[in-house]
Protein backbone atom coordinates (compact mmCIF):
# COMPACT_ATOMS: atom_id res chain seq x y z
CA UNK A 1 130.14 48.49 136.79
CA UNK A 2 127.05 50.68 136.87
CA UNK A 3 124.73 50.53 139.86
CA UNK A 4 121.11 49.97 138.85
CA UNK A 5 117.91 48.16 139.76
CA UNK A 6 115.36 46.65 137.41
CA UNK A 7 112.00 47.11 139.16
CA UNK A 8 108.82 45.11 138.58
CA UNK A 9 105.25 46.43 138.94
CA UNK A 10 103.60 46.53 142.34
CA UNK A 11 101.67 43.32 142.95
CA UNK A 12 103.78 41.22 140.58
CA UNK A 13 103.51 37.55 141.51
CA UNK A 14 106.71 35.67 142.38
CA UNK A 15 106.67 32.00 143.27
CA UNK A 16 107.49 28.46 142.29
CA UNK A 17 105.56 25.69 140.57
CA UNK A 18 105.04 22.04 141.47
CA UNK A 19 102.96 19.10 140.23
CA UNK A 20 101.10 16.58 142.37
CA UNK A 21 102.69 13.35 141.18
CA UNK A 22 106.16 14.85 141.38
CA UNK A 23 105.94 16.02 145.01
CA UNK A 24 103.15 14.22 146.87
CA UNK A 25 104.53 10.69 147.04
CA UNK A 26 102.83 7.29 147.05
CA UNK A 27 100.60 8.14 144.11
CA UNK A 28 99.90 4.55 143.06
CA UNK A 29 96.55 4.92 141.32
CA UNK A 30 97.62 6.73 138.16
CA UNK A 31 99.18 6.03 134.78
CA UNK A 32 102.60 7.30 135.84
CA UNK A 33 102.89 4.79 138.65
CA UNK A 34 101.90 2.09 136.14
CA UNK A 35 104.53 3.42 133.70
CA UNK A 36 107.13 3.26 136.47
CA UNK A 37 106.21 -0.34 137.33
CA UNK A 38 106.57 -1.23 133.66
CA UNK A 39 110.22 -0.16 133.87
CA UNK A 40 110.14 2.99 131.75
CA UNK A 41 111.91 5.36 134.17
CA UNK A 42 115.59 6.07 133.62
CA UNK A 43 117.98 4.01 135.77
CA UNK A 44 115.00 2.15 137.21
CA UNK A 45 114.16 5.05 139.50
CA UNK A 46 110.89 5.12 141.42
CA UNK A 47 108.89 8.07 142.67
CA UNK A 48 108.32 6.60 146.12
CA UNK A 49 107.69 9.29 148.72
CA UNK A 50 108.71 12.02 146.24
CA UNK A 51 108.82 15.13 148.50
CA UNK A 52 106.33 13.57 150.94
CA UNK A 53 103.76 16.33 150.59
CA UNK A 54 100.94 13.83 151.12
CA UNK A 55 102.65 12.98 154.38
CA UNK A 56 102.56 16.65 155.43
CA UNK A 57 105.98 17.98 154.34
CA UNK A 58 104.22 20.66 152.27
CA UNK A 59 103.96 22.68 155.47
CA UNK A 60 107.70 23.11 155.88
CA UNK A 61 108.18 23.72 152.16
CA UNK A 62 105.46 26.39 152.16
CA UNK A 63 107.18 27.93 155.20
CA UNK A 64 110.45 28.07 153.25
CA UNK A 65 108.73 29.69 150.30
CA UNK A 66 106.97 32.30 152.44
CA UNK A 67 110.18 33.11 154.33
CA UNK A 68 111.87 33.60 150.96
CA UNK A 69 109.35 36.28 149.97
CA UNK A 70 107.28 34.21 147.55
CA UNK A 71 103.77 35.64 147.29
CA UNK A 72 102.28 32.84 145.18
CA UNK A 73 102.60 29.14 144.48
CA UNK A 74 101.37 27.00 141.61
CA UNK A 75 100.38 23.43 142.49
CA UNK A 76 98.27 20.74 140.85
CA UNK A 77 95.44 18.51 141.97
CA UNK A 78 95.88 14.76 141.51
CA UNK A 79 92.81 13.56 139.63
CA UNK A 80 93.33 9.96 140.77
CA UNK A 81 93.14 10.99 144.43
CA UNK A 82 89.95 13.00 144.00
CA UNK A 83 88.27 10.40 141.79
CA UNK A 84 89.88 7.02 142.60
CA UNK A 85 87.28 5.18 140.52
CA UNK A 86 85.01 6.34 137.72
CA UNK A 87 81.97 6.14 140.02
CA UNK A 88 83.53 7.36 143.27
CA UNK A 89 84.81 10.59 144.84
CA UNK A 90 87.25 10.89 147.74
CA UNK A 91 86.10 13.70 150.03
CA UNK A 92 89.11 13.18 152.32
CA UNK A 93 91.46 14.00 149.46
CA UNK A 94 89.54 17.18 148.72
CA UNK A 95 89.74 18.16 152.38
CA UNK A 96 93.50 17.58 152.30
CA UNK A 97 93.82 19.89 149.31
CA UNK A 98 91.71 22.45 151.19
CA UNK A 99 94.26 22.28 154.01
CA UNK A 100 97.10 22.88 151.59
CA UNK A 101 95.37 25.86 149.99
CA UNK A 102 94.49 27.30 153.38
CA UNK A 103 98.15 26.86 154.23
CA UNK A 104 99.13 29.01 151.27
CA UNK A 105 96.58 31.70 152.12
CA UNK A 106 97.67 31.75 155.77
CA UNK A 107 101.24 32.36 154.60
CA UNK A 108 100.16 35.26 152.40
CA UNK A 109 100.57 33.35 149.15
CA UNK A 110 98.14 33.37 146.20
CA UNK A 111 97.42 29.86 144.86
CA UNK A 112 97.35 29.02 141.19
CA UNK A 113 95.84 25.56 140.79
CA UNK A 114 96.43 23.26 137.83
CA UNK A 115 93.69 20.70 137.27
CA UNK A 116 95.60 18.31 135.01
CA UNK A 117 99.39 18.00 135.11
CA UNK A 118 100.27 14.91 133.01
CA UNK A 119 98.89 12.19 135.32
CA UNK A 120 95.63 10.34 134.67
CA UNK A 121 93.70 7.96 136.96
CA UNK A 122 94.27 4.26 136.28
CA UNK A 123 90.59 3.77 135.51
CA UNK A 124 90.79 6.42 132.79
CA UNK A 125 93.94 4.81 131.40
CA UNK A 126 92.08 1.50 131.14
CA UNK A 127 89.23 3.25 129.30
CA UNK A 128 91.73 4.63 126.76
CA UNK A 129 92.96 7.84 128.38
CA UNK A 130 92.52 10.99 126.33
CA UNK A 131 91.66 8.92 123.27
CA UNK A 132 88.49 7.76 125.06
CA UNK A 133 85.36 9.30 123.57
CA UNK A 134 83.86 10.19 126.97
CA UNK A 135 87.04 11.67 128.51
CA UNK A 136 85.77 15.25 128.17
CA UNK A 137 82.61 14.41 130.11
CA UNK A 138 84.63 12.78 132.88
CA UNK A 139 87.13 15.65 132.98
CA UNK A 140 84.38 18.26 133.25
CA UNK A 141 82.73 16.37 136.12
CA UNK A 142 86.09 16.20 137.94
CA UNK A 143 86.70 19.92 137.37
CA UNK A 144 83.27 20.79 138.73
CA UNK A 145 83.89 18.67 141.81
CA UNK A 146 87.26 20.31 142.50
CA UNK A 147 86.13 23.88 141.87
CA UNK A 148 83.06 23.42 144.02
CA UNK A 149 85.27 22.12 146.85
CA UNK A 150 88.24 24.49 146.53
CA UNK A 151 86.81 27.62 144.97
CA UNK A 152 86.82 29.53 148.27
CA UNK A 153 90.63 29.54 148.13
CA UNK A 154 91.37 29.83 144.40
CA UNK A 155 90.50 32.16 141.56
CA UNK A 156 93.48 31.39 139.30
CA UNK A 157 92.92 28.10 137.51
CA UNK A 158 95.14 26.39 134.97
CA UNK A 159 93.04 23.75 133.24
CA UNK A 160 95.74 21.62 131.61
CA UNK A 161 99.51 21.81 131.89
CA UNK A 162 101.51 21.48 128.68
CA UNK A 163 98.96 19.66 126.54
CA UNK A 164 101.49 19.92 123.71
CA UNK A 165 104.06 17.93 125.74
CA UNK A 166 101.43 15.40 126.86
CA UNK A 167 100.37 14.69 123.26
CA UNK A 168 103.77 14.90 121.59
CA UNK A 169 105.84 12.89 124.06
CA UNK A 170 103.12 10.35 124.83
CA UNK A 171 101.65 9.78 121.37
CA UNK A 172 104.31 10.76 118.81
CA UNK A 173 107.67 10.01 120.45
CA UNK A 174 106.40 7.40 122.92
CA UNK A 175 108.47 8.45 125.94
CA UNK A 176 105.48 9.29 128.18
CA UNK A 177 102.60 6.91 128.83
CA UNK A 178 100.97 5.32 126.93
CA UNK A 179 104.14 5.11 124.82
CA UNK A 180 102.52 5.35 121.38
CA UNK A 181 103.98 6.57 118.10
CA UNK A 182 100.77 7.24 116.22
CA UNK A 183 99.99 10.56 114.56
CA UNK A 184 96.29 9.73 114.26
CA UNK A 185 96.05 8.99 117.97
CA UNK A 186 98.02 12.15 118.71
CA UNK A 187 95.52 14.30 116.83
CA UNK A 188 92.58 12.66 118.59
CA UNK A 189 94.21 13.32 121.96
CA UNK A 190 94.97 16.92 121.00
CA UNK A 191 91.37 17.46 119.95
CA UNK A 192 90.07 15.99 123.21
CA UNK A 193 92.49 18.07 125.27
CA UNK A 194 91.16 21.21 123.58
CA UNK A 195 87.57 20.12 124.19
CA UNK A 196 88.45 19.23 127.77
CA UNK A 197 90.01 22.63 128.34
CA UNK A 198 86.95 24.36 126.85
CA UNK A 199 84.53 22.32 128.97
CA UNK A 200 86.58 23.10 132.07
CA UNK A 201 86.74 26.80 131.22
CA UNK A 202 82.96 27.11 130.88
CA UNK A 203 82.30 24.99 133.97
CA UNK A 204 84.64 27.07 136.13
CA UNK A 205 83.08 30.33 135.00
CA UNK A 206 79.62 28.95 135.67
CA UNK A 207 80.61 28.05 139.22
CA UNK A 208 82.93 30.98 139.85
CA UNK A 209 82.25 33.89 137.45
CA UNK A 210 85.11 35.99 138.82
CA UNK A 211 87.71 33.26 138.22
CA UNK A 212 90.55 33.62 135.75
CA UNK A 213 91.15 30.51 133.69
CA UNK A 214 93.89 29.57 131.25
CA UNK A 215 96.23 26.78 130.22
CA UNK A 216 100.01 26.44 130.46
CA UNK A 217 101.81 25.73 127.19
CA UNK A 218 105.41 24.64 126.87
CA UNK A 219 107.02 27.09 124.44
CA UNK A 220 110.19 25.81 122.81
CA UNK A 221 112.01 28.23 120.54
CA UNK A 222 112.80 26.70 117.14
CA UNK A 223 115.17 28.56 114.82
CA UNK A 224 116.19 27.43 111.31
CA UNK A 225 119.66 25.91 111.61
CA UNK A 226 120.57 27.49 108.25
CA UNK A 227 118.62 30.65 107.67
CA UNK A 228 119.56 30.60 103.99
CA UNK A 229 118.01 27.14 103.41
CA UNK A 230 114.26 27.11 102.63
CA UNK A 231 113.86 23.54 103.90
CA UNK A 232 115.20 24.49 107.34
CA UNK A 233 112.94 27.52 107.52
CA UNK A 234 109.98 25.38 106.48
CA UNK A 235 110.50 22.57 108.99
CA UNK A 236 111.27 24.97 111.85
CA UNK A 237 108.11 26.92 111.09
CA UNK A 238 105.98 23.79 110.72
CA UNK A 239 107.16 22.26 113.99
CA UNK A 240 106.77 25.53 115.85
CA UNK A 241 103.20 25.97 114.64
CA UNK A 242 102.36 22.37 115.52
CA UNK A 243 104.04 22.39 118.92
CA UNK A 244 103.82 25.98 120.17
CA UNK A 245 100.74 27.40 118.46
CA UNK A 246 98.22 24.56 118.27
CA UNK A 247 96.67 24.85 121.74
CA UNK A 248 96.69 28.61 122.39
CA UNK A 249 95.35 29.19 118.89
CA UNK A 250 92.57 26.69 119.52
CA UNK A 251 91.67 28.45 122.78
CA UNK A 252 91.75 31.82 121.05
CA UNK A 253 90.12 31.12 117.69
CA UNK A 254 88.37 27.78 118.16
CA UNK A 255 90.36 26.21 115.32
CA UNK A 256 92.52 23.05 115.26
CA UNK A 257 95.31 23.22 112.68
CA UNK A 258 97.31 19.99 112.31
CA UNK A 259 99.46 19.00 109.28
CA UNK A 260 96.94 19.36 106.50
CA UNK A 261 93.91 19.14 108.77
CA UNK A 262 91.74 22.02 109.91
CA UNK A 263 88.81 21.59 112.24
CA UNK A 264 86.59 24.03 114.05
CA UNK A 265 85.85 23.62 117.77
CA UNK A 266 83.56 26.60 118.39
CA UNK A 267 83.14 25.97 122.12
CA UNK A 268 86.90 26.54 122.56
CA UNK A 269 86.92 30.04 121.05
CA UNK A 270 87.82 32.72 123.59
CA UNK A 271 88.55 30.28 126.42
CA UNK A 272 91.70 31.77 127.88
CA UNK A 273 91.65 34.60 130.38
CA UNK A 274 95.43 34.33 130.55
CA UNK A 275 98.19 32.42 128.80
CA UNK A 276 100.63 30.39 130.86
CA UNK A 277 104.04 30.09 129.23
CA UNK A 278 106.48 27.39 130.33
CA UNK A 279 109.90 28.18 128.88
CA UNK A 280 113.15 26.32 129.38
CA UNK A 281 115.24 26.56 126.21
CA UNK A 282 115.36 26.93 122.44
CA UNK A 283 117.09 24.99 119.67
CA UNK A 284 118.17 24.99 116.04
CA UNK A 285 116.18 22.88 113.58
CA UNK A 286 117.50 21.42 110.32
CA UNK A 287 115.49 19.50 107.73
CA UNK A 288 116.45 15.83 107.48
CA UNK A 289 114.64 13.71 104.90
CA UNK A 290 115.83 10.49 106.55
CA UNK A 291 114.55 11.26 110.06
CA UNK A 292 110.87 10.39 109.81
CA UNK A 293 110.75 9.31 113.45
CA UNK A 294 112.01 12.79 114.41
CA UNK A 295 109.44 14.51 112.16
CA UNK A 296 112.04 14.98 109.42
CA UNK A 297 114.23 17.20 111.52
CA UNK A 298 117.54 17.30 113.31
CA UNK A 299 117.42 19.50 116.41
CA UNK A 300 120.38 20.72 118.41
CA UNK A 301 121.55 23.60 120.56
CA UNK A 302 123.40 26.60 119.26
CA UNK A 303 127.19 26.09 119.29
CA UNK A 304 128.82 27.60 122.34
CA UNK A 305 125.66 27.45 124.45
CA UNK A 306 125.93 26.87 128.18
CA UNK A 307 124.37 23.43 128.65
CA UNK A 308 122.84 21.90 131.79
CA UNK A 309 124.56 18.85 133.34
CA UNK A 310 122.51 16.18 131.53
CA UNK A 311 122.37 18.15 128.27
CA UNK A 312 118.65 18.73 128.70
CA UNK A 313 118.60 22.55 128.65
CA UNK A 314 120.67 25.24 126.94
CA UNK A 315 120.83 28.63 128.63
CA UNK A 316 119.10 30.77 125.99
CA UNK A 317 117.63 33.82 127.74
CA UNK A 318 116.98 35.62 124.45
CA UNK A 319 114.69 32.74 123.57
CA UNK A 320 112.70 33.52 126.73
CA UNK A 321 112.21 37.10 125.57
CA UNK A 322 111.02 35.80 122.21
CA UNK A 323 108.62 33.41 123.97
CA UNK A 324 107.06 36.30 125.86
CA UNK A 325 106.83 38.34 122.65
CA UNK A 326 105.18 35.37 120.92
CA UNK A 327 102.56 35.26 123.67
CA UNK A 328 101.41 38.81 122.92
CA UNK A 329 99.57 37.68 119.79
CA UNK A 330 96.83 36.11 121.93
CA UNK A 331 95.92 39.45 123.54
CA UNK A 332 95.54 38.16 127.09
CA UNK A 333 97.63 38.59 130.25
CA UNK A 334 100.67 36.32 130.53
CA UNK A 335 101.98 34.30 133.44
CA UNK A 336 105.34 32.56 133.24
CA UNK A 337 104.05 29.33 134.73
CA UNK A 338 107.42 27.52 134.60
CA UNK A 339 111.05 28.49 134.02
CA UNK A 340 114.17 26.88 135.43
CA UNK A 341 117.13 24.58 134.87
CA UNK A 342 118.29 21.21 136.19
CA UNK A 343 121.55 21.81 138.04
CA UNK A 344 122.38 19.73 141.15
CA UNK A 345 125.55 21.71 141.93
CA UNK A 346 123.76 25.06 141.53
CA UNK A 347 126.58 26.30 139.29
CA UNK A 348 124.52 27.26 136.23
CA UNK A 349 121.18 28.05 137.89
CA UNK A 350 122.18 31.45 139.29
CA UNK A 351 123.30 32.68 135.88
CA UNK A 352 120.26 31.16 134.19
CA UNK A 353 117.89 32.73 136.72
CA UNK A 354 119.45 36.20 136.55
CA UNK A 355 119.58 36.26 132.75
CA UNK A 356 116.01 35.07 132.38
CA UNK A 357 114.65 37.47 135.00
CA UNK A 358 116.44 40.25 133.13
CA UNK A 359 114.64 39.25 129.92
CA UNK A 360 111.38 39.11 131.88
CA UNK A 361 112.01 42.65 133.01
CA UNK A 362 112.63 43.72 129.39
CA UNK A 363 109.13 42.58 128.52
CA UNK A 364 107.59 44.19 131.59
CA UNK A 365 109.45 47.41 130.78
CA UNK A 366 107.67 47.49 127.42
CA UNK A 367 104.37 47.31 129.34
CA UNK A 368 103.71 43.80 128.11
CA UNK A 369 100.87 42.30 130.21
CA UNK A 370 103.06 39.91 132.23
CA UNK A 371 101.64 39.41 135.73
CA UNK A 372 103.74 36.73 137.39
CA UNK A 373 106.68 34.34 137.32
CA UNK A 374 106.83 30.78 138.69
CA UNK A 375 110.27 29.21 138.99
CA UNK A 376 110.53 25.47 138.44
CA UNK A 377 110.85 24.33 141.13
CA UNK A 378 110.68 24.82 144.89
CA UNK A 379 112.38 21.56 145.86
CA UNK A 380 113.93 18.73 143.83
CA UNK A 381 111.15 16.46 142.60
CA UNK A 382 110.52 13.34 140.54
CA UNK A 383 111.12 14.42 136.94
CA UNK A 384 108.83 12.07 135.05
CA UNK A 385 110.66 9.64 132.76
CA UNK A 386 114.00 11.13 133.89
CA UNK A 387 113.38 10.14 137.50
CA UNK A 388 115.80 11.61 140.03
CA UNK A 389 118.57 12.25 137.50
CA UNK A 390 117.59 15.91 137.13
CA UNK A 391 117.44 18.37 140.01
CA UNK A 392 115.47 21.56 139.46
CA UNK A 393 114.90 22.67 143.06
CA UNK A 394 115.91 25.84 144.82
CA UNK A 395 116.14 23.41 147.73
CA UNK A 396 117.99 20.11 147.35
CA UNK A 397 116.15 16.95 148.42
CA UNK A 398 117.76 13.90 149.97
CA UNK A 399 115.36 11.17 148.86
CA UNK A 400 116.61 8.77 151.56
CA UNK A 401 116.07 11.08 154.54
CA UNK A 402 113.66 13.72 153.12
CA UNK A 403 116.11 16.37 154.35
CA UNK A 404 116.16 19.68 152.46
CA UNK A 405 119.27 21.76 151.88
CA UNK A 406 119.05 25.30 150.62
CA UNK A 407 120.99 26.05 147.46
CA UNK A 408 122.51 29.52 146.90
CA UNK A 409 119.96 30.17 144.15
CA UNK A 410 117.24 30.08 146.80
CA UNK A 411 118.82 33.16 148.43
CA UNK A 412 119.16 34.87 145.06
CA UNK A 413 115.52 34.25 144.21
CA UNK A 414 114.46 35.35 147.71
CA UNK A 415 116.24 38.67 147.20
CA UNK A 416 114.45 39.18 143.88
CA UNK A 417 111.06 38.30 145.40
CA UNK A 418 111.47 40.48 148.48
CA UNK A 419 112.66 43.52 146.54
CA UNK A 420 110.36 42.90 143.56
CA UNK A 421 113.41 43.71 141.50
CA UNK A 422 116.74 42.53 140.10
CA UNK A 423 119.64 44.72 141.20
CA UNK A 424 123.30 45.09 140.30
CA UNK A 425 124.14 44.21 143.92
CA UNK A 426 122.39 40.84 143.57
CA UNK A 427 124.24 40.10 140.36
CA UNK A 428 127.58 41.08 141.88
CA UNK A 429 126.93 38.76 144.83
CA UNK A 430 125.53 35.71 143.09
CA UNK A 431 126.92 35.78 139.51
CA UNK A 432 129.64 38.46 139.33
CA UNK A 433 130.72 37.51 135.79
CA UNK A 434 127.35 38.79 134.54
CA UNK A 435 127.80 42.22 136.11
CA UNK A 436 129.53 43.90 133.19
CA UNK A 437 127.11 42.29 130.73
CA UNK A 438 123.91 43.41 132.45
CA UNK A 439 125.24 46.60 134.09
CA UNK A 440 128.03 47.94 131.86
CA UNK A 441 129.86 50.88 133.36
């Protein structure tokens, strides 16, 4: 085996990502708590205390991250805490977030703050959520309130996390709240999410001209199952454009393109200072005339793929490289705002992490404008409709005792962060079977 080190640029950001509802605990004033009470979470799981960050456990988790060499962390603000009613603000909640952000800065970590990560206040849900005609006005007011309160600690803002997931899973497949299967409603929500992002972008720059503002899009690789079949190529291309391209194209060009519909949103043009890419896996797509509820497609993982324990993710590092390459078309810096795998036994995660970091380095080595990487996630958290059945954390969480236990991948990632590099020694220690693949002698 050859001895080598893949170095990253000086100042590269290494960290983890979290979301408010998934880690804070006792978030009872939003649509996800309502969805939980309605019985939509797998195995009847409840979020409960989550990781108890609202009870102060963020301090010890930030300590763990800092000790592991992380120089950044991405977290989100819970809209329902900041604005518990349409006509009321909670200054205590904003002060608590200030404490958290000060905690990051004191530990030498750069915050990236997401303003909307799936959860909506109950009052907004009752108004109609992102279908509501005044949602953009309310969202802009909330953004202004947060930026005015927290701007001293933040200049990296992510307006909306995975708007494509929010719209697709909530309004087409019905697995997220509000549980609709309505293409017309989905398009209205997508339009309002674009307008909300644009309003937030302009508001942030008005309040904080030096800020950098973007959105985080979930990129899912979609390859024709049979390259020789035109129908497979067509459906894979259509779904990729609808799912992957819709939002970053809108923020770049100010155009909404949606299955036979084209609409201009001029205020959205040029509203991304960076592109956040969330990548987990890719899949094969075959045309299926009889699968209307699945958008006329059958989707599955490539034969022989290494699959995560619940079958949720296939280890496809080449798809990560292609995701980064796809992001270049928008001509802005790129942050990998999420990447990881659910793996409670930490058997697959080390291989997944090494192979994906290697592909990240490939892009960096071509001088692609990639500035940071956020692993999902720091500690096991409440995984939306999948509850506690999936464990993404570098640290394991015991939900009964709130005890944390470090997984071996945490040490691997710490070595990468501290050295700003991936080395053959790390691979030999943590995933020796990959040594000859990545460092052939």
